């Protein structure tokens, strides 16, 4: 299996997906302007959902050619265990069944996308270790 999508792109997506996964919904439901006034001293540490990161991930995926977005989905499907590494062609075929918008939505709807992509890379003896720090 040879990816047409660059390893750097997959690794950048993994980093951003981890940032998305780290975000949590706010626990406080009142409209306090200053989270330090909260009854919960830990509220200041919450990393609330940030639409900017999700928009960045969506834009990164939308900027990819359709075949590369499908590869990202297929890689995640392998990492999730839906397909084995030896079933790459079937995973890719499944990923290509929908239009690009549906593929992107499927990718963004995966709750553990970073882990799936990382496991997918590992299944093919690939890794982001050689890529270095990606910002």
N, C-alpha and C. Protein backbone atom coordinates (compact mmCIF):
# COMPACT_ATOMS: atom_id res chain seq x y z
N UNK A 1 0.84 -1.17 0.00
CA UNK A 1 0.00 0.00 0.00
C UNK A 1 0.89 1.24 0.00
N UNK A 2 0.62 2.11 -0.92
CA UNK A 2 1.34 3.37 -1.00
C UNK A 2 0.32 4.51 -0.97
N UNK A 3 0.47 5.39 0.00
CA UNK A 3 -0.46 6.51 0.13
C UNK A 3 -0.12 7.59 -0.88
N UNK A 4 -1.16 8.18 -1.47
CA UNK A 4 -0.93 9.37 -2.29
C UNK A 4 -0.97 10.62 -1.43
N UNK A 5 -1.71 10.55 -0.32
CA UNK A 5 -1.72 11.67 0.63
C UNK A 5 -0.38 11.63 1.37
N UNK A 6 0.22 12.78 1.58
CA UNK A 6 1.54 12.81 2.21
C UNK A 6 1.45 12.43 3.68
N UNK A 7 2.50 11.81 4.15
CA UNK A 7 2.58 11.43 5.56
C UNK A 7 2.52 12.69 6.43
N UNK A 8 3.10 13.77 5.97
CA UNK A 8 3.07 15.03 6.71
C UNK A 8 1.63 15.50 6.92
N UNK A 9 0.80 15.35 5.89
CA UNK A 9 -0.60 15.76 5.98
C UNK A 9 -1.34 14.89 7.00
N UNK A 10 -1.11 13.59 6.96
CA UNK A 10 -1.76 12.68 7.92
C UNK A 10 -1.31 13.04 9.34
N UNK A 11 -0.04 13.30 9.52
CA UNK A 11 0.48 13.63 10.85
C UNK A 11 -0.06 14.97 11.35
N UNK A 12 -0.18 15.93 10.47
CA UNK A 12 -0.77 17.22 10.86
C UNK A 12 -2.22 17.02 11.29
N UNK A 13 -2.93 16.18 10.57
CA UNK A 13 -4.32 15.88 10.90
C UNK A 13 -4.40 15.18 12.27
N UNK A 14 -3.46 14.29 12.54
CA UNK A 14 -3.43 13.61 13.84
C UNK A 14 -3.24 14.62 14.97
N UNK A 15 -2.31 15.55 14.79
CA UNK A 15 -2.06 16.56 15.82
C UNK A 15 -3.31 17.40 16.06
N UNK A 16 -3.95 17.85 15.00
CA UNK A 16 -5.15 18.69 15.14
C UNK A 16 -6.32 17.89 15.71
N UNK A 17 -6.43 16.62 15.32
CA UNK A 17 -7.51 15.78 15.85
C UNK A 17 -7.31 15.55 17.34
N UNK A 18 -6.08 15.43 17.78
CA UNK A 18 -5.82 15.30 19.23
C UNK A 18 -6.27 16.56 19.96
N UNK A 19 -6.04 17.71 19.36
CA UNK A 19 -6.49 18.95 19.97
C UNK A 19 -8.01 18.98 20.07
N UNK A 20 -8.68 18.51 19.04
CA UNK A 20 -10.14 18.45 19.07
C UNK A 20 -10.62 17.49 20.15
N UNK A 21 -9.99 16.34 20.27
CA UNK A 21 -10.39 15.33 21.25
C UNK A 21 -10.16 15.81 22.67
N UNK A 22 -9.20 16.70 22.87
CA UNK A 22 -8.89 17.19 24.21
C UNK A 22 -9.91 18.19 24.72
N UNK A 23 -10.70 18.72 23.84
CA UNK A 23 -11.67 19.74 24.22
C UNK A 23 -12.88 19.08 24.87
N UNK A 24 -13.41 19.76 25.86
CA UNK A 24 -14.58 19.26 26.57
C UNK A 24 -15.65 20.34 26.60
N UNK A 25 -16.90 19.94 26.67
CA UNK A 25 -17.94 20.96 26.83
C UNK A 25 -17.83 21.60 28.21
N UNK A 26 -18.21 22.83 28.30
CA UNK A 26 -18.17 23.54 29.58
C UNK A 26 -19.14 22.90 30.56
N UNK A 27 -18.71 22.77 31.79
CA UNK A 27 -19.56 22.21 32.83
C UNK A 27 -20.48 23.28 33.37
N UNK A 28 -19.96 24.47 33.53
CA UNK A 28 -20.75 25.58 34.06
C UNK A 28 -21.78 26.01 33.03
N UNK A 29 -23.01 26.11 33.44
CA UNK A 29 -24.07 26.51 32.52
C UNK A 29 -24.50 27.95 32.70
N UNK A 30 -24.01 28.60 33.74
CA UNK A 30 -24.39 30.00 33.93
C UNK A 30 -23.54 30.89 33.05
N UNK A 31 -23.87 32.13 32.98
CA UNK A 31 -23.21 33.06 32.06
C UNK A 31 -22.15 33.90 32.75
N UNK A 32 -21.32 33.28 33.55
CA UNK A 32 -20.27 34.02 34.22
C UNK A 32 -19.24 34.49 33.21
N UNK A 33 -18.84 35.74 33.33
CA UNK A 33 -17.81 36.28 32.44
C UNK A 33 -16.42 35.85 32.89
N UNK A 34 -16.24 35.65 34.17
CA UNK A 34 -14.94 35.32 34.70
C UNK A 34 -14.99 33.92 35.31
N UNK A 35 -14.34 32.94 34.66
CA UNK A 35 -14.40 31.58 35.18
C UNK A 35 -13.75 31.43 36.56
N UNK A 36 -12.94 32.42 36.99
CA UNK A 36 -12.34 32.34 38.32
C UNK A 36 -13.36 32.62 39.41
N UNK A 37 -14.53 33.19 39.05
CA UNK A 37 -15.60 33.42 40.01
C UNK A 37 -16.44 32.17 40.23
N UNK A 38 -16.15 31.12 39.56
CA UNK A 38 -16.93 29.88 39.61
C UNK A 38 -16.78 29.20 40.97
N UNK A 39 -17.75 28.38 41.30
CA UNK A 39 -17.68 27.56 42.49
C UNK A 39 -16.66 26.44 42.32
N UNK A 40 -16.37 26.10 41.09
CA UNK A 40 -15.44 25.01 40.78
C UNK A 40 -14.09 25.61 40.39
N UNK A 41 -13.08 25.47 41.24
CA UNK A 41 -11.78 26.05 40.90
C UNK A 41 -11.13 25.41 39.68
N UNK A 42 -11.56 24.21 39.30
CA UNK A 42 -10.99 23.54 38.14
C UNK A 42 -11.58 24.05 36.82
N UNK A 43 -12.64 24.84 36.88
CA UNK A 43 -13.30 25.32 35.67
C UNK A 43 -12.36 26.14 34.80
N UNK A 44 -11.40 26.79 35.40
CA UNK A 44 -10.44 27.60 34.65
C UNK A 44 -9.60 26.71 33.73
N UNK A 45 -9.42 25.45 34.11
CA UNK A 45 -8.56 24.53 33.36
C UNK A 45 -9.29 23.86 32.20
N UNK A 46 -10.59 24.03 32.10
CA UNK A 46 -11.34 23.39 31.03
C UNK A 46 -10.88 23.91 29.68
N UNK A 47 -10.69 23.00 28.76
CA UNK A 47 -10.36 23.36 27.39
C UNK A 47 -11.65 23.23 26.60
N UNK A 48 -12.42 24.29 26.59
CA UNK A 48 -13.74 24.24 25.98
C UNK A 48 -13.65 24.11 24.46
N UNK A 49 -14.69 23.56 23.89
CA UNK A 49 -14.75 23.35 22.45
C UNK A 49 -14.40 24.64 21.71
N UNK A 50 -13.53 24.52 20.79
CA UNK A 50 -13.05 25.65 20.03
C UNK A 50 -13.33 25.38 18.55
N UNK A 51 -14.26 26.13 18.00
CA UNK A 51 -14.66 25.92 16.61
C UNK A 51 -13.53 26.20 15.64
N UNK A 52 -12.56 26.99 16.03
CA UNK A 52 -11.45 27.33 15.15
C UNK A 52 -10.67 26.08 14.77
N UNK A 53 -10.43 25.20 15.73
CA UNK A 53 -9.66 23.98 15.45
C UNK A 53 -10.48 23.06 14.54
N UNK A 54 -11.77 22.91 14.83
CA UNK A 54 -12.61 22.07 13.98
C UNK A 54 -12.66 22.64 12.56
N UNK A 55 -12.77 23.96 12.44
CA UNK A 55 -12.77 24.59 11.11
C UNK A 55 -11.44 24.35 10.39
N UNK A 56 -10.35 24.39 11.13
CA UNK A 56 -9.04 24.16 10.53
C UNK A 56 -8.94 22.73 10.00
N UNK A 57 -9.42 21.76 10.79
CA UNK A 57 -9.39 20.36 10.36
C UNK A 57 -10.28 20.17 9.13
N UNK A 58 -11.46 20.77 9.17
CA UNK A 58 -12.37 20.66 8.02
C UNK A 58 -11.74 21.27 6.78
N UNK A 59 -11.13 22.43 6.91
CA UNK A 59 -10.48 23.09 5.78
C UNK A 59 -9.33 22.25 5.24
N UNK A 60 -8.54 21.67 6.15
CA UNK A 60 -7.44 20.80 5.73
C UNK A 60 -7.98 19.65 4.88
N UNK A 61 -9.07 19.04 5.33
CA UNK A 61 -9.67 17.92 4.58
C UNK A 61 -10.29 18.38 3.27
N UNK A 62 -10.96 19.53 3.28
CA UNK A 62 -11.61 20.03 2.06
C UNK A 62 -10.59 20.43 1.00
N UNK A 63 -9.40 20.83 1.44
CA UNK A 63 -8.36 21.23 0.49
C UNK A 63 -7.67 20.05 -0.18
N UNK A 64 -7.89 18.85 0.35
CA UNK A 64 -7.30 17.65 -0.24
C UNK A 64 -8.07 17.23 -1.48
N UNK A 65 -7.39 16.66 -2.45
CA UNK A 65 -8.13 16.03 -3.56
C UNK A 65 -9.01 14.91 -3.00
N UNK A 66 -10.10 14.61 -3.68
CA UNK A 66 -11.06 13.62 -3.18
C UNK A 66 -10.42 12.27 -2.90
N UNK A 67 -9.48 11.83 -3.74
CA UNK A 67 -8.86 10.53 -3.52
C UNK A 67 -8.02 10.51 -2.24
N UNK A 68 -7.42 11.64 -1.90
CA UNK A 68 -6.62 11.71 -0.68
C UNK A 68 -7.51 11.74 0.56
N UNK A 69 -8.63 12.44 0.50
CA UNK A 69 -9.59 12.44 1.61
C UNK A 69 -10.12 11.03 1.83
N UNK A 70 -10.38 10.31 0.76
CA UNK A 70 -10.84 8.93 0.87
C UNK A 70 -9.76 8.05 1.50
N UNK A 71 -8.49 8.31 1.19
CA UNK A 71 -7.40 7.57 1.81
C UNK A 71 -7.35 7.81 3.31
N UNK A 72 -7.59 9.05 3.71
CA UNK A 72 -7.61 9.38 5.15
C UNK A 72 -8.70 8.55 5.83
N UNK A 73 -9.89 8.51 5.23
CA UNK A 73 -10.99 7.73 5.80
C UNK A 73 -10.63 6.24 5.82
N UNK A 74 -10.08 5.73 4.75
CA UNK A 74 -9.70 4.31 4.69
C UNK A 74 -8.65 3.99 5.75
N UNK A 75 -7.70 4.89 5.94
CA UNK A 75 -6.66 4.69 6.95
C UNK A 75 -7.29 4.65 8.35
N UNK A 76 -8.25 5.53 8.60
CA UNK A 76 -8.95 5.53 9.89
C UNK A 76 -9.76 4.26 10.07
N UNK A 77 -10.37 3.76 8.99
CA UNK A 77 -11.15 2.52 9.07
C UNK A 77 -10.25 1.32 9.40
N UNK A 78 -9.05 1.32 8.84
CA UNK A 78 -8.09 0.26 9.17
C UNK A 78 -7.67 0.41 10.63
N UNK A 79 -7.38 1.63 11.05
CA UNK A 79 -6.97 1.87 12.43
C UNK A 79 -8.05 1.54 13.44
N UNK A 80 -9.30 1.72 13.05
CA UNK A 80 -10.44 1.42 13.92
C UNK A 80 -10.70 -0.08 13.99
N UNK A 81 -10.17 -0.82 13.04
CA UNK A 81 -10.36 -2.26 13.03
C UNK A 81 -11.50 -2.73 12.15
N UNK A 82 -12.12 -1.80 11.43
CA UNK A 82 -13.19 -2.17 10.50
C UNK A 82 -12.62 -3.03 9.39
N UNK A 83 -11.41 -2.72 8.98
CA UNK A 83 -10.69 -3.49 7.97
C UNK A 83 -9.30 -3.80 8.50
N UNK A 84 -8.75 -4.89 8.03
CA UNK A 84 -7.39 -5.28 8.34
C UNK A 84 -6.47 -4.61 7.30
N UNK A 85 -5.20 -4.49 7.63
CA UNK A 85 -4.25 -3.89 6.68
C UNK A 85 -4.25 -4.64 5.35
N UNK A 86 -4.46 -5.94 5.40
CA UNK A 86 -4.49 -6.72 4.16
C UNK A 86 -5.73 -6.44 3.32
N UNK A 87 -6.70 -5.74 3.90
CA UNK A 87 -7.95 -5.40 3.20
C UNK A 87 -7.97 -3.93 2.77
N UNK A 88 -6.80 -3.37 2.51
CA UNK A 88 -6.69 -1.96 2.16
C UNK A 88 -7.57 -1.60 0.96
N UNK A 89 -7.55 -2.43 -0.07
CA UNK A 89 -8.34 -2.13 -1.26
C UNK A 89 -9.83 -2.04 -0.93
N UNK A 90 -10.32 -2.93 -0.06
CA UNK A 90 -11.72 -2.89 0.34
C UNK A 90 -12.02 -1.64 1.17
N UNK A 91 -11.09 -1.28 2.06
CA UNK A 91 -11.26 -0.07 2.88
C UNK A 91 -11.32 1.16 1.99
N UNK A 92 -10.44 1.20 1.00
CA UNK A 92 -10.41 2.33 0.07
C UNK A 92 -11.68 2.37 -0.78
N UNK A 93 -12.15 1.21 -1.19
CA UNK A 93 -13.38 1.14 -1.97
C UNK A 93 -14.57 1.65 -1.15
N UNK A 94 -14.64 1.25 0.10
CA UNK A 94 -15.70 1.72 1.00
C UNK A 94 -15.62 3.23 1.17
N UNK A 95 -14.42 3.75 1.36
CA UNK A 95 -14.23 5.18 1.55
C UNK A 95 -14.61 5.98 0.30
N UNK A 96 -14.50 5.37 -0.86
CA UNK A 96 -14.81 6.05 -2.12
C UNK A 96 -16.28 5.96 -2.51
N UNK A 97 -17.10 5.27 -1.70
CA UNK A 97 -18.51 5.10 -2.04
C UNK A 97 -19.30 6.39 -1.93
N UNK A 98 -18.89 7.30 -1.05
CA UNK A 98 -19.62 8.54 -0.82
C UNK A 98 -18.94 9.71 -1.50
N UNK A 99 -19.69 10.81 -1.62
CA UNK A 99 -19.08 12.02 -2.17
C UNK A 99 -18.12 12.63 -1.13
N UNK A 100 -17.34 13.58 -1.55
CA UNK A 100 -16.29 14.14 -0.71
C UNK A 100 -16.83 14.76 0.58
N UNK A 101 -17.97 15.45 0.51
CA UNK A 101 -18.55 16.05 1.71
C UNK A 101 -18.92 14.98 2.74
N UNK A 102 -19.48 13.88 2.29
CA UNK A 102 -19.86 12.79 3.19
C UNK A 102 -18.62 12.13 3.78
N UNK A 103 -17.58 12.00 2.99
CA UNK A 103 -16.31 11.42 3.48
C UNK A 103 -15.75 12.31 4.58
N UNK A 104 -15.72 13.60 4.36
CA UNK A 104 -15.20 14.53 5.36
C UNK A 104 -16.04 14.48 6.63
N UNK A 105 -17.36 14.43 6.48
CA UNK A 105 -18.24 14.34 7.65
C UNK A 105 -17.98 13.05 8.43
N UNK A 106 -17.77 11.94 7.72
CA UNK A 106 -17.47 10.68 8.40
C UNK A 106 -16.17 10.77 9.18
N UNK A 107 -15.18 11.40 8.59
CA UNK A 107 -13.89 11.56 9.26
C UNK A 107 -14.06 12.40 10.52
N UNK A 108 -14.75 13.53 10.39
CA UNK A 108 -14.92 14.43 11.54
C UNK A 108 -15.83 13.85 12.61
N UNK A 109 -16.67 12.91 12.26
CA UNK A 109 -17.58 12.29 13.24
C UNK A 109 -16.92 11.18 14.04
N UNK A 110 -15.70 10.82 13.71
CA UNK A 110 -15.00 9.76 14.45
C UNK A 110 -14.49 10.33 15.77
N UNK A 111 -14.98 9.79 16.89
CA UNK A 111 -14.62 10.36 18.19
C UNK A 111 -13.15 10.17 18.57
N UNK A 112 -12.49 9.18 18.03
CA UNK A 112 -11.09 8.93 18.35
C UNK A 112 -10.25 8.95 17.07
N UNK A 113 -10.48 9.94 16.24
CA UNK A 113 -9.85 10.04 14.93
C UNK A 113 -8.33 9.96 15.02
N UNK A 114 -7.71 10.70 15.93
CA UNK A 114 -6.25 10.70 16.03
C UNK A 114 -5.72 9.30 16.30
N UNK A 115 -6.34 8.60 17.21
CA UNK A 115 -5.92 7.24 17.54
C UNK A 115 -6.12 6.29 16.38
N UNK A 116 -7.24 6.45 15.67
CA UNK A 116 -7.51 5.59 14.51
C UNK A 116 -6.47 5.81 13.42
N UNK A 117 -6.17 7.07 13.14
CA UNK A 117 -5.17 7.36 12.10
C UNK A 117 -3.79 6.87 12.51
N UNK A 118 -3.45 7.06 13.77
CA UNK A 118 -2.15 6.58 14.26
C UNK A 118 -2.07 5.06 14.15
N UNK A 119 -3.14 4.37 14.55
CA UNK A 119 -3.17 2.90 14.44
C UNK A 119 -3.15 2.46 12.98
N UNK A 120 -3.82 3.22 12.11
CA UNK A 120 -3.79 2.91 10.69
C UNK A 120 -2.40 3.01 10.12
N UNK A 121 -1.68 4.05 10.50
CA UNK A 121 -0.29 4.19 10.05
C UNK A 121 0.55 3.02 10.56
N UNK A 122 0.37 2.68 11.81
CA UNK A 122 1.13 1.58 12.41
C UNK A 122 0.87 0.27 11.68
N UNK A 123 -0.37 0.05 11.25
CA UNK A 123 -0.72 -1.17 10.54
C UNK A 123 0.09 -1.33 9.26
N UNK A 124 0.56 -0.22 8.71
CA UNK A 124 1.36 -0.25 7.48
C UNK A 124 2.82 0.10 7.75
N UNK A 125 3.23 -0.04 9.00
CA UNK A 125 4.61 0.25 9.41
C UNK A 125 5.02 1.68 9.08
N UNK A 126 4.08 2.60 9.23
CA UNK A 126 4.35 4.03 9.05
C UNK A 126 4.18 4.71 10.40
N UNK A 127 4.78 5.87 10.54
CA UNK A 127 4.70 6.59 11.81
C UNK A 127 4.99 8.06 11.58
N UNK A 128 4.55 8.85 12.52
CA UNK A 128 4.83 10.29 12.48
C UNK A 128 6.14 10.63 13.18
N UNK A 129 6.83 9.64 13.72
CA UNK A 129 8.07 9.88 14.46
C UNK A 129 9.11 10.60 13.60
N UNK A 130 9.22 10.25 12.36
CA UNK A 130 10.24 10.85 11.48
C UNK A 130 9.85 12.25 11.02
N UNK A 131 8.61 12.63 11.25
CA UNK A 131 8.13 13.91 10.77
C UNK A 131 8.61 15.06 11.65
N UNK A 132 8.81 14.81 12.94
CA UNK A 132 9.22 15.86 13.85
C UNK A 132 8.03 16.62 14.37
N UNK A 133 8.28 17.74 14.95
CA UNK A 133 7.21 18.57 15.52
C UNK A 133 6.46 19.27 14.41
N UNK A 134 5.15 19.04 14.39
CA UNK A 134 4.32 19.67 13.37
C UNK A 134 3.42 20.67 14.06
N UNK A 135 3.42 21.89 13.59
CA UNK A 135 2.56 22.93 14.17
C UNK A 135 1.41 23.24 13.26
